[in-house]
């Protein structure tokens, strides 16, 4: 269905709650049908086979790039990290799709403020940092992302979109669609917030911007009527 948002979300075994809360935040605000597909390593046997790199901060650092393959190189698909919270109707993002581009993302221009993020992991710094944390894939224009390529390309080749023939094929999304918590100032108009340093489910980030909204969404996931 053309009006169904096909949403692939990175799944990490250390952030299970993040996946489900993010799905809830999308679903409860969406005015269009949504199809959720986790990018979980346990489901990608024979497709994604590369070994874990010590610099990977999540289990889906590289596996996100099999999304066009999993989509049959047809239609559009959204990929997003799990450590996010949707604050508006995903239909508004879906309407931004532009057939001129192979991918669309927020083109961040920033240097991370911290050297270490959640679970003591190193905060890597590179050009196009966090561009790939939210990607609208125009799948038919992403046929270079075969399983073989995704399994063998370098991290920078993947995350800097070097598999595209031209950077002109990268469309820009408004920054509100990947608003980086702590890196950017609080923005009440942020559509999709990204707890890139660490989500509120880690105690050291429980008081960060938008954390109260995240916990309220979690509570709605866990709600059981008392009888």
Protein backbone atom coordinates (compact mmCIF):
# COMPACT_ATOMS: atom_id res chain seq x y z
CA UNK A 1 0.00 0.00 0.00
CA UNK A 2 1.47 3.31 -1.09
CA UNK A 3 0.15 5.14 1.93
CA UNK A 4 1.58 2.62 4.41
CA UNK A 5 4.76 3.77 6.15
CA UNK A 6 7.26 0.90 6.13
CA UNK A 7 9.45 1.51 9.16
CA UNK A 8 12.61 -0.45 9.93
CA UNK A 9 13.93 0.18 13.44
CA UNK A 10 17.32 -0.87 14.73
CA UNK A 11 16.99 -3.47 17.50
CA UNK A 12 19.72 -3.85 20.10
CA UNK A 13 19.55 -6.54 22.79
CA UNK A 14 20.79 -3.98 25.35
CA UNK A 15 18.04 -1.48 24.50
CA UNK A 16 14.95 -3.66 24.13
CA UNK A 17 12.68 -1.18 25.88
CA UNK A 18 13.81 1.58 23.51
CA UNK A 19 12.50 -0.32 20.48
CA UNK A 20 9.03 -0.83 21.93
CA UNK A 21 8.66 2.70 23.28
CA UNK A 22 9.70 4.16 19.94
CA UNK A 23 7.15 1.99 18.13
CA UNK A 24 4.48 3.16 20.57
CA UNK A 25 5.36 6.81 20.03
CA UNK A 26 4.98 6.37 16.28
CA UNK A 27 1.81 4.30 16.39
CA UNK A 28 -0.18 6.46 18.79
CA UNK A 29 0.33 9.60 16.69
CA UNK A 30 0.13 8.14 13.17
CA UNK A 31 -2.79 8.90 10.86
CA UNK A 32 -1.65 6.33 8.28
CA UNK A 33 -1.01 2.57 8.50
CA UNK A 34 2.47 1.69 9.77
CA UNK A 35 4.43 -1.51 9.20
CA UNK A 36 7.13 -2.09 11.82
CA UNK A 37 10.15 -4.24 10.95
CA UNK A 38 12.97 -4.68 13.48
CA UNK A 39 16.53 -4.82 12.19
CA UNK A 40 17.55 -7.59 14.60
CA UNK A 41 20.69 -9.64 14.02
CA UNK A 42 18.95 -12.87 15.04
CA UNK A 43 16.65 -12.53 12.01
CA UNK A 44 19.33 -11.74 9.42
CA UNK A 45 21.18 -15.06 9.22
CA UNK A 46 22.64 -15.57 5.76
CA UNK A 47 21.96 -11.95 4.83
CA UNK A 48 24.10 -9.95 7.24
CA UNK A 49 27.23 -11.91 8.11
CA UNK A 50 29.96 -9.39 8.91
CA UNK A 51 31.68 -9.69 12.30
CA UNK A 52 31.20 -7.11 15.02
CA UNK A 53 33.55 -4.14 14.82
CA UNK A 54 34.83 -2.79 18.18
CA UNK A 55 33.78 0.73 17.10
CA UNK A 56 30.14 -0.29 16.62
CA UNK A 57 28.02 1.30 19.32
CA UNK A 58 24.93 -0.74 18.43
CA UNK A 59 24.11 -4.13 16.93
CA UNK A 60 22.55 -2.40 13.92
CA UNK A 61 25.42 -0.02 13.14
CA UNK A 62 25.95 -1.66 9.74
CA UNK A 63 22.95 -3.95 9.33
CA UNK A 64 20.70 -0.91 8.73
CA UNK A 65 22.01 -0.83 5.19
CA UNK A 66 20.25 -4.06 4.20
CA UNK A 67 16.92 -2.21 4.36
CA UNK A 68 16.65 -1.70 0.57
CA UNK A 69 17.42 -5.41 0.02
CA UNK A 70 14.81 -6.43 2.61
CA UNK A 71 12.37 -4.13 0.83
CA UNK A 72 12.95 -5.87 -2.51
CA UNK A 73 14.40 -2.61 -3.83
CA UNK A 74 10.84 -1.36 -4.20
CA UNK A 75 8.98 1.64 -2.82
CA UNK A 76 10.19 3.70 0.10
CA UNK A 77 11.34 2.57 3.54
CA UNK A 78 12.29 4.48 6.65
CA UNK A 79 15.17 3.37 8.85
CA UNK A 80 15.60 4.85 12.32
CA UNK A 81 17.72 4.04 15.37
CA UNK A 82 15.75 2.72 18.34
CA UNK A 83 16.84 5.43 20.80
CA UNK A 84 14.27 7.90 19.52
CA UNK A 85 10.85 9.31 20.28
CA UNK A 86 8.30 10.42 17.71
CA UNK A 87 6.49 13.58 18.77
CA UNK A 88 4.23 14.09 15.76
CA UNK A 89 2.41 12.25 12.96
CA UNK A 90 4.78 10.13 10.87
CA UNK A 91 2.56 10.93 7.88
CA UNK A 92 4.19 14.37 7.84
CA UNK A 93 7.59 12.74 7.36
CA UNK A 94 6.22 10.32 4.78
CA UNK A 95 4.93 13.27 2.73
CA UNK A 96 8.48 14.60 2.38
CA UNK A 97 9.55 11.74 0.11
CA UNK A 98 11.04 13.12 -3.10
CA UNK A 99 11.65 10.85 -6.08
CA UNK A 100 14.66 12.92 -7.16
CA UNK A 101 16.70 11.39 -4.34
CA UNK A 102 18.03 7.94 -3.47
CA UNK A 103 18.05 8.71 0.25
CA UNK A 104 16.85 11.55 2.43
CA UNK A 105 18.20 12.44 5.87
CA UNK A 106 19.00 15.29 8.21
CA UNK A 107 22.38 16.65 7.16
CA UNK A 108 23.86 17.36 10.58
CA UNK A 109 26.87 19.62 10.85
CA UNK A 110 28.20 19.24 14.38
CA UNK A 111 31.01 17.82 16.48
CA UNK A 112 29.86 15.64 19.40
CA UNK A 113 30.22 17.39 22.75
CA UNK A 114 31.20 14.26 24.65
CA UNK A 115 33.93 11.65 24.19
CA UNK A 116 32.06 8.75 25.80
CA UNK A 117 28.39 7.80 25.46
CA UNK A 118 26.11 5.10 26.90
CA UNK A 119 27.68 1.99 28.43
CA UNK A 120 31.11 3.64 28.27
CA UNK A 121 31.37 3.47 24.50
CA UNK A 122 33.63 5.79 22.56
CA UNK A 123 31.84 8.59 20.73
CA UNK A 124 33.34 8.32 17.25
CA UNK A 125 33.68 11.49 15.19
CA UNK A 126 33.51 11.51 11.41
CA UNK A 127 32.08 13.49 8.52
CA UNK A 128 28.30 13.03 8.12
CA UNK A 129 28.00 11.91 11.74
CA UNK A 130 24.42 10.80 12.49
CA UNK A 131 23.19 11.31 8.93
CA UNK A 132 22.43 7.60 8.76
CA UNK A 133 20.47 7.40 12.03
CA UNK A 134 17.29 8.40 10.19
CA UNK A 135 17.16 7.49 6.49
CA UNK A 136 14.33 7.57 4.01
CA UNK A 137 15.40 5.00 1.40
CA UNK A 138 14.09 5.29 -2.16
CA UNK A 139 14.80 1.60 -2.53
CA UNK A 140 14.93 1.33 -6.34
CA UNK A 141 17.81 3.82 -6.34
CA UNK A 142 19.75 1.91 -3.66
CA UNK A 143 20.53 -1.30 -5.56
CA UNK A 144 24.25 -0.85 -4.80
CA UNK A 145 23.41 -1.97 -1.25
CA UNK A 146 23.55 -5.69 -1.92
CA UNK A 147 24.19 -8.03 1.02
CA UNK A 148 27.69 -8.64 -0.35
CA UNK A 149 28.46 -4.93 -0.40
CA UNK A 150 27.02 -4.30 3.07
CA UNK A 151 29.04 -7.21 4.47
CA UNK A 152 32.35 -6.05 2.99
CA UNK A 153 32.29 -2.25 2.71
CA UNK A 154 34.01 -0.11 5.31
CA UNK A 155 31.99 1.69 7.93
CA UNK A 156 32.72 5.07 6.36
CA UNK A 157 31.75 3.84 2.90
CA UNK A 158 28.36 2.89 4.31
CA UNK A 159 27.65 5.76 6.68
CA UNK A 160 28.98 8.45 4.35
CA UNK A 161 26.84 7.15 1.46
CA UNK A 162 29.85 6.49 -0.75
CA UNK A 163 27.82 3.78 -2.49
CA UNK A 164 25.87 6.53 -4.26
CA UNK A 165 27.09 7.89 -7.58
CA UNK A 166 26.69 11.47 -6.43
CA UNK A 167 26.01 13.39 -3.23
CA UNK A 168 23.27 15.15 -5.17
CA UNK A 169 21.24 11.97 -4.62
CA UNK A 170 21.11 12.74 -0.87
CA UNK A 171 18.07 14.83 -0.08
CA UNK A 172 17.87 17.00 3.03
CA UNK A 173 15.21 16.57 5.69
CA UNK A 174 14.44 19.42 8.11
CA UNK A 175 16.56 19.06 11.28
CA UNK A 176 13.45 18.60 13.42
CA UNK A 177 13.22 15.04 12.04
CA UNK A 178 16.40 13.95 13.83
CA UNK A 179 16.80 16.37 16.73
CA UNK A 180 19.88 15.36 18.72
CA UNK A 181 19.22 15.50 22.46
CA UNK A 182 21.98 17.29 24.42
CA UNK A 183 23.81 18.14 21.20
CA UNK A 184 21.07 20.61 20.26
CA UNK A 185 19.12 22.90 22.58
CA UNK A 186 15.63 21.90 23.66
CA UNK A 187 13.17 22.50 20.84
CA UNK A 188 9.45 22.23 21.58
CA UNK A 189 8.83 21.87 17.84
CA UNK A 190 11.12 18.85 17.40
CA UNK A 191 9.24 16.15 15.46
CA UNK A 192 11.57 13.22 16.14
CA UNK A 193 14.09 13.38 18.98
CA UNK A 194 17.19 11.22 19.12
CA UNK A 195 18.80 10.29 22.45
CA UNK A 196 22.10 9.81 20.67
CA UNK A 197 24.31 9.97 23.80
CA UNK A 198 22.08 7.56 25.74
CA UNK A 199 18.38 7.05 26.32
CA UNK A 200 16.45 7.81 29.52
CA UNK A 201 16.43 4.07 30.25
CA UNK A 202 20.07 4.50 31.29
CA UNK A 203 20.14 6.12 34.74
CA UNK A 204 22.70 8.78 33.81
CA UNK A 205 20.39 10.17 31.12
CA UNK A 206 17.06 9.93 32.93
CA UNK A 207 16.80 13.72 33.38
CA UNK A 208 17.73 14.74 29.84
CA UNK A 209 15.47 16.82 27.59
CA UNK A 210 12.33 14.95 26.51
CA UNK A 211 12.93 12.21 29.11
CA UNK A 212 9.59 12.89 30.80
CA UNK A 213 7.83 12.36 27.46
CA UNK A 214 9.75 9.13 26.94
CA UNK A 215 8.78 7.79 30.39
CA UNK A 216 5.14 8.75 29.82
CA UNK A 217 5.17 6.80 26.56
CA UNK A 218 6.79 3.83 28.30
CA UNK A 219 4.04 3.91 30.91
CA UNK A 220 1.42 3.71 28.19
CA UNK A 221 3.20 0.66 26.75
CA UNK A 222 3.12 -1.02 30.16
CA UNK A 223 -0.39 0.05 31.17
CA UNK A 224 -2.57 -2.67 32.63
CA UNK A 225 -6.03 -1.79 33.84
CA UNK A 226 -6.50 -2.51 37.51
CA UNK A 227 -9.71 -4.41 38.27
